[in-house]
Amino acid sequence: MSKVIIVKGSDRERMVENGLNALEINPYKEKVVIKPNLNLYKKPDLALIDGIESSSRELGGEVTRYDLMILSEDPVAADAVGANILGLNPLSVPHLKLAQEKGLGMARLEEIDVEEIN
């Protein structure tokens, strides 16, 4: 089962620190460089989605504040939880469905353990 941490609040530094501590990850251990299609060869050690605020799909659209960050060792699960927060079915998002089919991570919400930290 994939694990996703949602850290809520308005202090980004504290949010990242709490999320990393919950995943028991040392962000200073090594530098990770992510290149296109690298996930096919090596998954990233950490996926972090800045969910402080989001705009609509239209450029210059209305901005909604969520005041959260999403962290996971499974980038597909992190993106699936983010899609769900935005009101989307993750398996209806083409790149998430494809990523799951290729074995790059989990997009089925019922297979993702979500932990919220306030």
PDB file of N, CA and C in Angstrom:
ATOM      1  N   MET A   1       0.843  -1.173   0.000  1.00  0.00           N
ATOM      2  CA  MET A   1       0.000   0.000   0.000  1.00  0.00           C
ATOM      3  C   MET A   1       0.890   1.238   0.000  1.00  0.00           C
ATOM      4  N   SER A   2       0.562   2.204  -0.828  1.00  0.00           N
ATOM      5  CA  SER A   2       1.299   3.465  -0.874  1.00  0.00           C
ATOM      6  C   SER A   2       0.866   4.348   0.287  1.00  0.00           C
ATOM      7  N   LYS A   3       1.786   5.161   0.772  1.00  0.00           N
ATOM      8  CA  LYS A   3       1.478   6.081   1.862  1.00  0.00           C
ATOM      9  C   LYS A   3       1.646   7.505   1.375  1.00  0.00           C
ATOM     10  N   VAL A   4       0.690   8.353   1.730  1.00  0.00           N
ATOM     11  CA  VAL A   4       0.725   9.769   1.382  1.00  0.00           C
ATOM     12  C   VAL A   4       0.494  10.564   2.656  1.00  0.00           C
ATOM     13  N   ILE A   5       1.288  11.602   2.851  1.00  0.00           N
ATOM     14  CA  ILE A   5       1.151  12.495   4.000  1.00  0.00           C
ATOM     15  C   ILE A   5       0.580  13.817   3.499  1.00  0.00           C
ATOM     16  N   ILE A   6      -0.473  14.305   4.135  1.00  0.00           N
ATOM     17  CA  ILE A   6      -0.999  15.636   3.842  1.00  0.00           C
ATOM     18  C   ILE A   6      -0.740  16.486   5.073  1.00  0.00           C
ATOM     19  N   VAL A   7       0.050  17.538   4.897  1.00  0.00           N
ATOM     20  CA  VAL A   7       0.371  18.434   5.999  1.00  0.00           C
ATOM     21  C   VAL A   7      -0.406  19.723   5.783  1.00  0.00           C
ATOM     22  N   LYS A   8      -1.222  20.088   6.767  1.00  0.00           N
ATOM     23  CA  LYS A   8      -2.056  21.278   6.644  1.00  0.00           C
ATOM     24  C   LYS A   8      -1.473  22.420   7.464  1.00  0.00           C
ATOM     25  N   GLY A   9      -1.687  23.628   6.997  1.00  0.00           N
ATOM     26  CA  GLY A   9      -1.234  24.810   7.711  1.00  0.00           C
ATOM     27  C   GLY A   9      -0.797  25.879   6.746  1.00  0.00           C
ATOM     28  N   SER A  10      -0.235  26.955   7.270  1.00  0.00           N
ATOM     29  CA  SER A  10       0.180  28.049   6.399  1.00  0.00           C
ATOM     30  C   SER A  10       1.681  28.306   6.451  1.00  0.00           C
ATOM     31  N   ASP A  11       2.417  27.606   7.311  1.00  0.00           N
ATOM     32  CA  ASP A  11       3.863  27.787   7.432  1.00  0.00           C
ATOM     33  C   ASP A  11       4.561  26.711   6.603  1.00  0.00           C
ATOM     34  N   ARG A  12       5.012  27.074   5.394  1.00  0.00           N
ATOM     35  CA  ARG A  12       5.599  26.093   4.470  1.00  0.00           C
ATOM     36  C   ARG A  12       6.772  25.340   5.073  1.00  0.00           C
ATOM     37  N   GLU A  13       7.675  26.057   5.723  1.00  0.00           N
ATOM     38  CA  GLU A  13       8.866  25.408   6.274  1.00  0.00           C
ATOM     39  C   GLU A  13       8.474  24.343   7.296  1.00  0.00           C
ATOM     40  N   ARG A  14       7.558  24.688   8.191  1.00  0.00           N
ATOM     41  CA  ARG A  14       7.104  23.730   9.203  1.00  0.00           C
ATOM     42  C   ARG A  14       6.381  22.566   8.539  1.00  0.00           C
ATOM     43  N   MET A  15       5.594  22.872   7.497  1.00  0.00           N
ATOM     44  CA  MET A  15       4.841  21.826   6.813  1.00  0.00           C
ATOM     45  C   MET A  15       5.775  20.809   6.169  1.00  0.00           C
ATOM     46  N   VAL A  16       6.804  21.286   5.485  1.00  0.00           N
ATOM     47  CA  VAL A  16       7.750  20.376   4.841  1.00  0.00           C
ATOM     48  C   VAL A  16       8.492  19.563   5.892  1.00  0.00           C
ATOM     49  N   GLU A  17       8.954  20.223   6.948  1.00  0.00           N
ATOM     50  CA  GLU A  17       9.691  19.528   8.003  1.00  0.00           C
ATOM     51  C   GLU A  17       8.835  18.432   8.640  1.00  0.00           C
ATOM     52  N   ASN A  18       7.573  18.736   8.952  1.00  0.00           N
ATOM     53  CA  ASN A  18       6.686  17.731   9.551  1.00  0.00           C
ATOM     54  C   ASN A  18       6.434  16.571   8.603  1.00  0.00           C
ATOM     55  N   GLY A  19       6.239  16.872   7.320  1.00  0.00           N
ATOM     56  CA  GLY A  19       5.998  15.820   6.342  1.00  0.00           C
ATOM     57  C   GLY A  19       7.196  14.916   6.163  1.00  0.00           C
ATOM     58  N   LEU A  20       8.390  15.507   6.082  1.00  0.00           N
ATOM     59  CA  LEU A  20       9.606  14.706   5.927  1.00  0.00           C
ATOM     60  C   LEU A  20       9.849  13.854   7.161  1.00  0.00           C
ATOM     61  N   ASN A  21       9.601  14.416   8.338  1.00  0.00           N
ATOM     62  CA  ASN A  21       9.773  13.643   9.565  1.00  0.00           C
ATOM     63  C   ASN A  21       8.795  12.476   9.606  1.00  0.00           C
ATOM     64  N   ALA A  22       7.564  12.690   9.150  1.00  0.00           N
ATOM     65  CA  ALA A  22       6.565  11.619   9.160  1.00  0.00           C
ATOM     66  C   ALA A  22       6.972  10.477   8.231  1.00  0.00           C
ATOM     67  N   LEU A  23       7.652  10.807   7.131  1.00  0.00           N
ATOM     68  CA  LEU A  23       8.110   9.777   6.197  1.00  0.00           C
ATOM     69  C   LEU A  23       9.495   9.249   6.562  1.00  0.00           C
ATOM     70  N   GLU A  24      10.099   9.822   7.608  1.00  0.00           N
ATOM     71  CA  GLU A  24      11.440   9.442   8.049  1.00  0.00           C
ATOM     72  C   GLU A  24      12.451   9.572   6.915  1.00  0.00           C
ATOM     73  N   ILE A  25      12.415  10.724   6.251  1.00  0.00           N
ATOM     74  CA  ILE A  25      13.317  11.000   5.134  1.00  0.00           C
ATOM     75  C   ILE A  25      14.244  12.141   5.518  1.00  0.00           C
ATOM     76  N   ASN A  26      15.519  11.984   5.221  1.00  0.00           N
ATOM     77  CA  ASN A  26      16.497  13.045   5.421  1.00  0.00           C
ATOM     78  C   ASN A  26      16.707  13.735   4.077  1.00  0.00           C
ATOM     79  N   PRO A  27      16.176  14.954   3.905  1.00  0.00           N
ATOM     80  CA  PRO A  27      16.280  15.611   2.603  1.00  0.00           C
ATOM     81  C   PRO A  27      17.702  16.030   2.249  1.00  0.00           C
ATOM     82  N   TYR A  28      18.614  15.988   3.204  1.00  0.00           N
ATOM     83  CA  TYR A  28      19.977  16.442   2.946  1.00  0.00           C
ATOM     84  C   TYR A  28      20.921  15.293   2.620  1.00  0.00           C
ATOM     85  N   LYS A  29      20.399  14.059   2.600  1.00  0.00           N
ATOM     86  CA  LYS A  29      21.228  12.880   2.374  1.00  0.00           C
ATOM     87  C   LYS A  29      21.884  12.909   0.995  1.00  0.00           C
ATOM     88  N   GLU A  30      21.112  13.201  -0.018  1.00  0.00           N
ATOM     89  CA  GLU A  30      21.658  13.239  -1.369  1.00  0.00           C
ATOM     90  C   GLU A  30      20.798  14.131  -2.240  1.00  0.00           C
ATOM     91  N   LYS A  31      21.390  14.657  -3.273  1.00  0.00           N
ATOM     92  CA  LYS A  31      20.657  15.503  -4.208  1.00  0.00           C
ATOM     93  C   LYS A  31      20.033  14.608  -5.273  1.00  0.00           C
ATOM     94  N   VAL A  32      18.759  14.815  -5.540  1.00  0.00           N
ATOM     95  CA  VAL A  32      18.058  14.019  -6.538  1.00  0.00           C
ATOM     96  C   VAL A  32      17.736  14.918  -7.724  1.00  0.00           C
ATOM     97  N   VAL A  33      18.141  14.502  -8.899  1.00  0.00           N
ATOM     98  CA  VAL A  33      17.840  15.238 -10.120  1.00  0.00           C
ATOM     99  C   VAL A  33      16.807  14.429 -10.895  1.00  0.00           C
ATOM    100  N   ILE A  34      15.682  15.054 -11.213  1.00  0.00           N
ATOM    101  CA  ILE A  34      14.622  14.356 -11.929  1.00  0.00           C
ATOM    102  C   ILE A  34      14.635  14.810 -13.381  1.00  0.00           C
ATOM    103  N   LYS A  35      14.750  13.857 -14.289  1.00  0.00           N
ATOM    104  CA  LYS A  35      14.755  14.141 -15.719  1.00  0.00           C
ATOM    105  C   LYS A  35      13.533  13.487 -16.346  1.00  0.00           C
ATOM    106  N   PRO A  36      13.091  13.975 -17.505  1.00  0.00           N
ATOM    107  CA  PRO A  36      11.926  13.370 -18.165  1.00  0.00           C
ATOM    108  C   PRO A  36      12.114  11.871 -18.363  1.00  0.00           C
ATOM    109  N   ASN A  37      11.070  11.118 -18.106  1.00  0.00           N
ATOM    110  CA  ASN A  37      11.032   9.660 -18.263  1.00  0.00           C
ATOM    111  C   ASN A  37      11.968   8.911 -17.322  1.00  0.00           C
ATOM    112  N   LEU A  38      12.602   9.600 -16.395  1.00  0.00           N
ATOM    113  CA  LEU A  38      13.485   8.934 -15.451  1.00  0.00           C
ATOM    114  C   LEU A  38      12.715   7.954 -14.572  1.00  0.00           C
ATOM    115  N   ASN A  39      11.433   8.239 -14.334  1.00  0.00           N
ATOM    116  CA  ASN A  39      10.624   7.341 -13.510  1.00  0.00           C
ATOM    117  C   ASN A  39      10.563   5.931 -14.078  1.00  0.00           C
ATOM    118  N   LEU A  40      10.784   5.786 -15.374  1.00  0.00           N
ATOM    119  CA  LEU A  40      10.791   4.451 -15.964  1.00  0.00           C
ATOM    120  C   LEU A  40      12.009   3.652 -15.507  1.00  0.00           C
ATOM    121  N   TYR A  41      13.057   4.336 -15.073  1.00  0.00           N
ATOM    122  CA  TYR A  41      14.295   3.674 -14.669  1.00  0.00           C
ATOM    123  C   TYR A  41      14.521   3.718 -13.164  1.00  0.00           C
ATOM    124  N   LYS A  42      14.197   4.844 -12.552  1.00  0.00           N
ATOM    125  CA  LYS A  42      14.329   4.973 -11.101  1.00  0.00           C
ATOM    126  C   LYS A  42      13.307   5.977 -10.596  1.00  0.00           C
ATOM    127  N   LYS A  43      12.470   5.513  -9.685  1.00  0.00           N
ATOM    128  CA  LYS A  43      11.479   6.410  -9.106  1.00  0.00           C
ATOM    129  C   LYS A  43      12.167   7.398  -8.172  1.00  0.00           C
ATOM    130  N   PRO A  44      11.628   8.610  -8.059  1.00  0.00           N
ATOM    131  CA  PRO A  44      12.209   9.571  -7.117  1.00  0.00           C
ATOM    132  C   PRO A  44      12.043   9.081  -5.680  1.00  0.00           C
ATOM    133  N   ASP A  45      12.902   9.558  -4.808  1.00  0.00           N
ATOM    134  CA  ASP A  45      12.820   9.193  -3.396  1.00  0.00           C
ATOM    135  C   ASP A  45      11.664   9.894  -2.697  1.00  0.00           C
ATOM    136  N   LEU A  46      11.272  11.059  -3.213  1.00  0.00           N
ATOM    137  CA  LEU A  46      10.221  11.835  -2.572  1.00  0.00           C
ATOM    138  C   LEU A  46       9.469  12.658  -3.607  1.00  0.00           C
ATOM    139  N   ALA A  47       8.156  12.618  -3.519  1.00  0.00           N
ATOM    140  CA  ALA A  47       7.311  13.512  -4.320  1.00  0.00           C
ATOM    141  C   ALA A  47       6.704  14.516  -3.352  1.00  0.00           C
ATOM    142  N   LEU A  48       6.825  15.793  -3.670  1.00  0.00           N
ATOM    143  CA  LEU A  48       6.278  16.851  -2.828  1.00  0.00           C
ATOM    144  C   LEU A  48       5.443  17.767  -3.710  1.00  0.00           C
ATOM    145  N   ILE A  49       4.183  17.907  -3.368  1.00  0.00           N
ATOM    146  CA  ILE A  49       3.286  18.788  -4.112  1.00  0.00           C
ATOM    147  C   ILE A  49       2.954  19.978  -3.228  1.00  0.00           C
ATOM    148  N   ASP A  50       3.259  21.161  -3.714  1.00  0.00           N
ATOM    149  CA  ASP A  50       2.928  22.394  -3.006  1.00  0.00           C
ATOM    150  C   ASP A  50       1.459  22.689  -3.278  1.00  0.00           C
ATOM    151  N   GLY A  51       0.628  22.430  -2.287  1.00  0.00           N
ATOM    152  CA  GLY A  51      -0.805  22.661  -2.422  1.00  0.00           C
ATOM    153  C   GLY A  51      -1.262  23.860  -1.616  1.00  0.00           C
ATOM    154  N   ILE A  52      -0.391  24.844  -1.473  1.00  0.00           N
ATOM    155  CA  ILE A  52      -0.767  26.040  -0.724  1.00  0.00           C
ATOM    156  C   ILE A  52      -1.950  26.709  -1.414  1.00  0.00           C
ATOM    157  N   GLU A  53      -1.821  26.877  -2.726  1.00  0.00           N
ATOM    158  CA  GLU A  53      -2.935  27.421  -3.491  1.00  0.00           C
ATOM    159  C   GLU A  53      -2.881  26.861  -4.897  1.00  0.00           C
ATOM    160  N   SER A  54      -4.021  26.897  -5.559  1.00  0.00           N
ATOM    161  CA  SER A  54      -4.118  26.357  -6.907  1.00  0.00           C
ATOM    162  C   SER A  54      -5.041  27.246  -7.719  1.00  0.00           C
ATOM    163  N   SER A  55      -4.704  27.395  -8.985  1.00  0.00           N
ATOM    164  CA  SER A  55      -5.602  28.151  -9.858  1.00  0.00           C
ATOM    165  C   SER A  55      -6.397  27.167 -10.699  1.00  0.00           C
ATOM    166  N   SER A  56      -7.456  27.660 -11.277  1.00  0.00           N
ATOM    167  CA  SER A  56      -8.266  26.806 -12.138  1.00  0.00           C
ATOM    168  C   SER A  56      -7.448  26.413 -13.355  1.00  0.00           C
ATOM    169  N   ARG A  57      -7.991  25.536 -14.159  1.00  0.00           N
ATOM    170  CA  ARG A  57      -7.264  25.054 -15.335  1.00  0.00           C
ATOM    171  C   ARG A  57      -6.995  26.162 -16.346  1.00  0.00           C
ATOM    172  N   GLU A  58      -7.782  27.211 -16.295  1.00  0.00           N
ATOM    173  CA  GLU A  58      -7.593  28.326 -17.224  1.00  0.00           C
ATOM    174  C   GLU A  58      -6.473  29.223 -16.712  1.00  0.00           C
ATOM    175  N   LEU A  59      -5.573  29.618 -17.589  1.00  0.00           N
ATOM    176  CA  LEU A  59      -4.493  30.521 -17.219  1.00  0.00           C
ATOM    177  C   LEU A  59      -5.090  31.815 -16.686  1.00  0.00           C
ATOM    178  N   GLY A  60      -4.655  32.221 -15.518  1.00  0.00           N
ATOM    179  CA  GLY A  60      -5.185  33.434 -14.917  1.00  0.00           C
ATOM    180  C   GLY A  60      -6.531  33.220 -14.249  1.00  0.00           C
ATOM    181  N   GLY A  61      -6.901  31.954 -14.049  1.00  0.00           N
ATOM    182  CA  GLY A  61      -8.193  31.641 -13.432  1.00  0.00           C
ATOM    183  C   GLY A  61      -8.204  31.931 -11.947  1.00  0.00           C
ATOM    184  N   GLU A  62      -9.325  31.684 -11.344  1.00  0.00           N
ATOM    185  CA  GLU A  62      -9.514  31.945  -9.922  1.00  0.00           C
ATOM    186  C   GLU A  62      -8.579  31.074  -9.079  1.00  0.00           C
ATOM    187  N   VAL A  63      -7.993  31.677  -8.053  1.00  0.00           N
ATOM    188  CA  VAL A  63      -7.065  30.973  -7.169  1.00  0.00           C
ATOM    189  C   VAL A  63      -7.809  30.511  -5.920  1.00  0.00           C
ATOM    190  N   THR A  64      -7.607  29.247  -5.559  1.00  0.00           N
ATOM    191  CA  THR A  64      -8.193  28.672  -4.350  1.00  0.00           C
ATOM    192  C   THR A  64      -7.064  28.319  -3.395  1.00  0.00           C
ATOM    193  N   ARG A  65      -7.196  28.698  -2.119  1.00  0.00           N
ATOM    194  CA  ARG A  65      -6.190  28.355  -1.106  1.00  0.00           C
ATOM    195  C   ARG A  65      -6.550  27.019  -0.468  1.00  0.00           C
ATOM    196  N   TYR A  66      -5.570  26.124  -0.421  1.00  0.00           N
ATOM    197  CA  TYR A  66      -5.743  24.830   0.235  1.00  0.00           C
ATOM    198  C   TYR A  66      -4.868  24.722   1.484  1.00  0.00           C
ATOM    199  N   ASP A  67      -3.793  25.496   1.546  1.00  0.00           N
ATOM    200  CA  ASP A  67      -2.873  25.488   2.687  1.00  0.00           C
ATOM    201  C   ASP A  67      -2.457  24.078   3.081  1.00  0.00           C
ATOM    202  N   LEU A  68      -1.949  23.330   2.112  1.00  0.00           N
ATOM    203  CA  LEU A  68      -1.454  21.992   2.418  1.00  0.00           C
ATOM    204  C   LEU A  68      -0.308  21.629   1.492  1.00  0.00           C
ATOM    205  N   MET A  69       0.433  20.634   1.904  1.00  0.00           N
ATOM    206  CA  MET A  69       1.477  20.048   1.075  1.00  0.00           C
ATOM    207  C   MET A  69       1.248  18.547   1.093  1.00  0.00           C
ATOM    208  N   ILE A  70       1.537  17.902  -0.021  1.00  0.00           N
ATOM    209  CA  ILE A  70       1.355  16.462  -0.147  1.00  0.00           C
ATOM    210  C   ILE A  70       2.736  15.853  -0.352  1.00  0.00           C
ATOM    211  N   LEU A  71       3.081  14.873   0.475  1.00  0.00           N
ATOM    212  CA  LEU A  71       4.380  14.216   0.387  1.00  0.00           C
ATOM    213  C   LEU A  71       4.178  12.710   0.308  1.00  0.00           C
ATOM    214  N   SER A  72       4.970  12.059  -0.520  1.00  0.00           N
ATOM    215  CA  SER A  72       4.897  10.606  -0.617  1.00  0.00           C
ATOM    216  C   SER A  72       6.160  10.070  -1.269  1.00  0.00           C
ATOM    217  N   GLU A  73       6.478   8.843  -0.954  1.00  0.00           N
ATOM    218  CA  GLU A  73       7.558   8.159  -1.659  1.00  0.00           C
ATOM    219  C   GLU A  73       7.048   7.593  -2.983  1.00  0.00           C
ATOM    220  N   ASP A  74       5.741   7.675  -3.218  1.00  0.00           N
ATOM    221  CA  ASP A  74       5.114   7.220  -4.460  1.00  0.00           C
ATOM    222  C   ASP A  74       4.565   8.449  -5.189  1.00  0.00           C
ATOM    223  N   PRO A  75       5.234   8.900  -6.253  1.00  0.00           N
ATOM    224  CA  PRO A  75       4.798  10.119  -6.936  1.00  0.00           C
ATOM    225  C   PRO A  75       3.416  10.001  -7.570  1.00  0.00           C
ATOM    226  N   VAL A  76       3.046   8.817  -7.994  1.00  0.00           N
ATOM    227  CA  VAL A  76       1.725   8.625  -8.599  1.00  0.00           C
ATOM    228  C   VAL A  76       0.649   8.753  -7.524  1.00  0.00           C
ATOM    229  N   ALA A  77       0.896   8.167  -6.358  1.00  0.00           N
ATOM    230  CA  ALA A  77      -0.059   8.268  -5.252  1.00  0.00           C
ATOM    231  C   ALA A  77      -0.219   9.722  -4.813  1.00  0.00           C
ATOM    232  N   ALA A  78       0.887  10.450  -4.731  1.00  0.00           N
ATOM    233  CA  ALA A  78       0.812  11.863  -4.343  1.00  0.00           C
ATOM    234  C   ALA A  78      -0.045  12.640  -5.334  1.00  0.00           C
ATOM    235  N   ASP A  79       0.179  12.421  -6.615  1.00  0.00           N
ATOM    236  CA  ASP A  79      -0.588  13.119  -7.644  1.00  0.00           C
ATOM    237  C   ASP A  79      -2.052  12.682  -7.627  1.00  0.00           C
ATOM    238  N   ALA A  80      -2.306  11.411  -7.351  1.00  0.00           N
ATOM    239  CA  ALA A  80      -3.687  10.909  -7.284  1.00  0.00           C
ATOM    240  C   ALA A  80      -4.444  11.572  -6.140  1.00  0.00           C
ATOM    241  N   VAL A  81      -3.800  11.700  -4.986  1.00  0.00           N
ATOM    242  CA  VAL A  81      -4.439  12.363  -3.846  1.00  0.00           C
ATOM    243  C   VAL A  81      -4.679  13.835  -4.175  1.00  0.00           C
ATOM    244  N   GLY A  82      -3.717  14.474  -4.829  1.00  0.00           N
ATOM    245  CA  GLY A  82      -3.900  15.865  -5.244  1.00  0.00           C
ATOM    246  C   GLY A  82      -5.064  16.015  -6.206  1.00  0.00           C
ATOM    247  N   ALA A  83      -5.167  15.103  -7.160  1.00  0.00           N
ATOM    248  CA  ALA A  83      -6.284  15.141  -8.113  1.00  0.00           C
ATOM    249  C   ALA A  83      -7.612  14.987  -7.383  1.00  0.00           C
ATOM    250  N   ASN A  84      -7.648  14.088  -6.413  1.00  0.00           N
ATOM    251  CA  ASN A  84      -8.866  13.872  -5.638  1.00  0.00           C
ATOM    252  C   ASN A  84      -9.257  15.129  -4.859  1.00  0.00           C
ATOM    253  N   ILE A  85      -8.280  15.804  -4.278  1.00  0.00           N
ATOM    254  CA  ILE A  85      -8.556  17.044  -3.544  1.00  0.00           C
ATOM    255  C   ILE A  85      -9.156  18.093  -4.477  1.00  0.00           C
ATOM    256  N   LEU A  86      -8.725  18.082  -5.734  1.00  0.00           N
ATOM    257  CA  LEU A  86      -9.263  19.021  -6.722  1.00  0.00           C
ATOM    258  C   LEU A  86     -10.608  18.566  -7.292  1.00  0.00           C
ATOM    259  N   GLY A  87     -11.112  17.420  -6.806  1.00  0.00           N
ATOM    260  CA  GLY A  87     -12.422  16.942  -7.241  1.00  0.00           C
ATOM    261  C   GLY A  87     -12.395  16.036  -8.454  1.00  0.00           C
ATOM    262  N   LEU A  88     -11.216  15.534  -8.803  1.00  0.00           N
ATOM    263  CA  LEU A  88     -11.091  14.654  -9.962  1.00  0.00           C
ATOM    264  C   LEU A  88     -10.954  13.201  -9.528  1.00  0.00           C
ATOM    265  N   ASN A  89     -11.467  12.301 -10.336  1.00  0.00           N
ATOM    266  CA  ASN A  89     -11.223  10.879 -10.134  1.00  0.00           C
ATOM    267  C   ASN A  89      -9.831  10.604 -10.701  1.00  0.00           C
ATOM    268  N   PRO A  90      -8.870  10.204  -9.862  1.00  0.00           N
ATOM    269  CA  PRO A  90      -7.501  10.023 -10.353  1.00  0.00           C
ATOM    270  C   PRO A  90      -7.387   9.094 -11.558  1.00  0.00           C
ATOM    271  N   LEU A  91      -8.209   8.062 -11.618  1.00  0.00           N
ATOM    272  CA  LEU A  91      -8.113   7.135 -12.746  1.00  0.00           C
ATOM    273  C   LEU A  91      -8.715   7.698 -14.031  1.00  0.00           C
ATOM    274  N   SER A  92      -9.350   8.871 -13.937  1.00  0.00           N
ATOM    275  CA  SER A  92      -9.837   9.533 -15.152  1.00  0.00           C
ATOM    276  C   SER A  92      -8.803  10.528 -15.684  1.00  0.00           C
ATOM    277  N   VAL A  93      -7.705  10.698 -14.948  1.00  0.00           N
ATOM    278  CA  VAL A  93      -6.613  11.576 -15.382  1.00  0.00           C
ATOM    279  C   VAL A  93      -5.647  10.708 -16.194  1.00  0.00           C
ATOM    280  N   PRO A  94      -5.512  10.971 -17.491  1.00  0.00           N
ATOM    281  CA  PRO A  94      -4.753  10.065 -18.365  1.00  0.00           C
ATOM    282  C   PRO A  94      -3.346   9.715 -17.886  1.00  0.00           C
ATOM    283  N   HIS A  95      -2.569  10.696 -17.423  1.00  0.00           N
ATOM    284  CA  HIS A  95      -1.189  10.361 -17.038  1.00  0.00           C
ATOM    285  C   HIS A  95      -1.142   9.509 -15.776  1.00  0.00           C
ATOM    286  N   LEU A  96      -2.119   9.657 -14.887  1.00  0.00           N
ATOM    287  CA  LEU A  96      -2.139   8.830 -13.679  1.00  0.00           C
ATOM    288  C   LEU A  96      -2.534   7.392 -14.008  1.00  0.00           C
ATOM    289  N   LYS A  97      -3.522   7.246 -14.864  1.00  0.00           N
ATOM    290  CA  LYS A  97      -3.939   5.901 -15.280  1.00  0.00           C
ATOM    291  C   LYS A  97      -2.784   5.185 -15.986  1.00  0.00           C
ATOM    292  N   LEU A  98      -2.104   5.885 -16.883  1.00  0.00           N
ATOM    293  CA  LEU A  98      -0.981   5.300 -17.613  1.00  0.00           C
ATOM    294  C   LEU A  98       0.170   4.952 -16.668  1.00  0.00           C
ATOM    295  N   ALA A  99       0.472   5.852 -15.733  1.00  0.00           N
ATOM    296  CA  ALA A  99       1.561   5.596 -14.785  1.00  0.00           C
ATOM    297  C   ALA A  99       1.271   4.352 -13.952  1.00  0.00           C
ATOM    298  N   GLN A 100       0.030   4.196 -13.530  1.00  0.00           N
ATOM    299  CA  GLN A 100      -0.314   3.002 -12.757  1.00  0.00           C
ATOM    300  C   GLN A 100      -0.202   1.754 -13.626  1.00  0.00           C
ATOM    301  N   GLU A 101      -0.690   1.828 -14.858  1.00  0.00           N
ATOM    302  CA  GLU A 101      -0.606   0.677 -15.760  1.00  0.00           C
ATOM    303  C   GLU A 101       0.837   0.262 -16.013  1.00  0.00           C
ATOM    304  N   LYS A 102       1.755   1.226 -16.028  1.00  0.00           N
ATOM    305  CA  LYS A 102       3.173   0.924 -16.255  1.00  0.00           C
ATOM    306  C   LYS A 102       3.896   0.512 -14.969  1.00  0.00           C
ATOM    307  N   GLY A 103       3.155   0.473 -13.856  1.00  0.00           N
ATOM    308  CA  GLY A 103       3.751   0.048 -12.598  1.00  0.00           C
ATOM    309  C   GLY A 103       4.603   1.103 -11.920  1.00  0.00           C
ATOM    310  N   LEU A 104       4.367   2.367 -12.247  1.00  0.00           N
ATOM    311  CA  LEU A 104       5.171   3.441 -11.668  1.00  0.00           C
ATOM    312  C   LEU A 104       4.657   3.908 -10.316  1.00  0.00           C
ATOM    313  N   GLY A 105       3.477   3.467  -9.928  1.00  0.00           N
ATOM    314  CA  GLY A 105       2.911   3.873  -8.648  1.00  0.00           C
ATOM    315  C   GLY A 105       1.435   3.547  -8.595  1.00  0.00           C
ATOM    316  N   MET A 106       0.792   3.978  -7.524  1.00  0.00           N
ATOM    317  CA  MET A 106      -0.609   3.650  -7.266  1.00  0.00           C
ATOM    318  C   MET A 106      -1.492   4.873  -7.459  1.00  0.00           C
ATOM    319  N   ALA A 107      -2.526   4.731  -8.281  1.00  0.00           N
ATOM    320  CA  ALA A 107      -3.488   5.818  -8.490  1.00  0.00           C
ATOM    321  C   ALA A 107      -4.864   5.481  -7.923  1.00  0.00           C
ATOM    322  N   ARG A 108      -5.080   4.237  -7.497  1.00  0.00           N
ATOM    323  CA  ARG A 108      -6.377   3.851  -6.922  1.00  0.00           C
ATOM    324  C   ARG A 108      -6.422   4.314  -5.468  1.00  0.00           C
ATOM    325  N   LEU A 109      -7.339   5.229  -5.172  1.00  0.00           N
ATOM    326  CA  LEU A 109      -7.409   5.825  -3.835  1.00  0.00           C
ATOM    327  C   LEU A 109      -7.600   4.793  -2.735  1.00  0.00           C
ATOM    328  N   GLU A 110      -8.345   3.723  -3.009  1.00  0.00           N
ATOM    329  CA  GLU A 110      -8.584   2.710  -1.978  1.00  0.00           C
ATOM    330  C   GLU A 110      -7.311   1.938  -1.617  1.00  0.00           C
ATOM    331  N   GLU A 111      -6.263   2.088  -2.411  1.00  0.00           N
ATOM    332  CA  GLU A 111      -4.984   1.424  -2.148  1.00  0.00           C
ATOM    333  C   GLU A 111      -3.933   2.392  -1.592  1.00  0.00           C
ATOM    334  N   ILE A 112      -4.367   3.604  -1.230  1.00  0.00           N
ATOM    335  CA  ILE A 112      -3.437   4.621  -0.735  1.00  0.00           C
ATOM    336  C   ILE A 112      -3.780   4.949   0.715  1.00  0.00           C
ATOM    337  N   ASP A 113      -2.793   4.841   1.579  1.00  0.00           N
ATOM    338  CA  ASP A 113      -2.945   5.183   2.990  1.00  0.00           C
ATOM    339  C   ASP A 113      -2.644   6.674   3.145  1.00  0.00           C
ATOM    340  N   VAL A 114      -3.678   7.461   3.430  1.00  0.00           N
ATOM    341  CA  VAL A 114      -3.519   8.913   3.556  1.00  0.00           C
ATOM    342  C   VAL A 114      -3.502   9.288   5.030  1.00  0.00           C
ATOM    343  N   GLU A 115      -2.461   9.992   5.435  1.00  0.00           N
ATOM    344  CA  GLU A 115      -2.331  10.467   6.810  1.00  0.00           C
ATOM    345  C   GLU A 115      -2.309  11.989   6.791  1.00  0.00           C
ATOM    346  N   GLU A 116      -3.155  12.601   7.602  1.00  0.00           N
ATOM    347  CA  GLU A 116      -3.183  14.062   7.686  1.00  0.00           C
ATOM    348  C   GLU A 116      -2.486  14.515   8.954  1.00  0.00           C
ATOM    349  N   ILE A 117      -1.656  15.537   8.816  1.00  0.00           N
ATOM    350  CA  ILE A 117      -0.951  16.132   9.949  1.00  0.00           C
ATOM    351  C   ILE A 117      -1.360  17.594  10.024  1.00  0.00           C
ATOM    352  N   ASN A 118      -1.843  18.019  11.168  1.00  0.00           N
ATOM    353  CA  ASN A 118      -2.226  19.426  11.346  1.00  0.00           C
ATOM    354  C   ASN A 118      -1.155  20.171  12.098  1.00  0.00           C
TER     355      ASN A 118
END
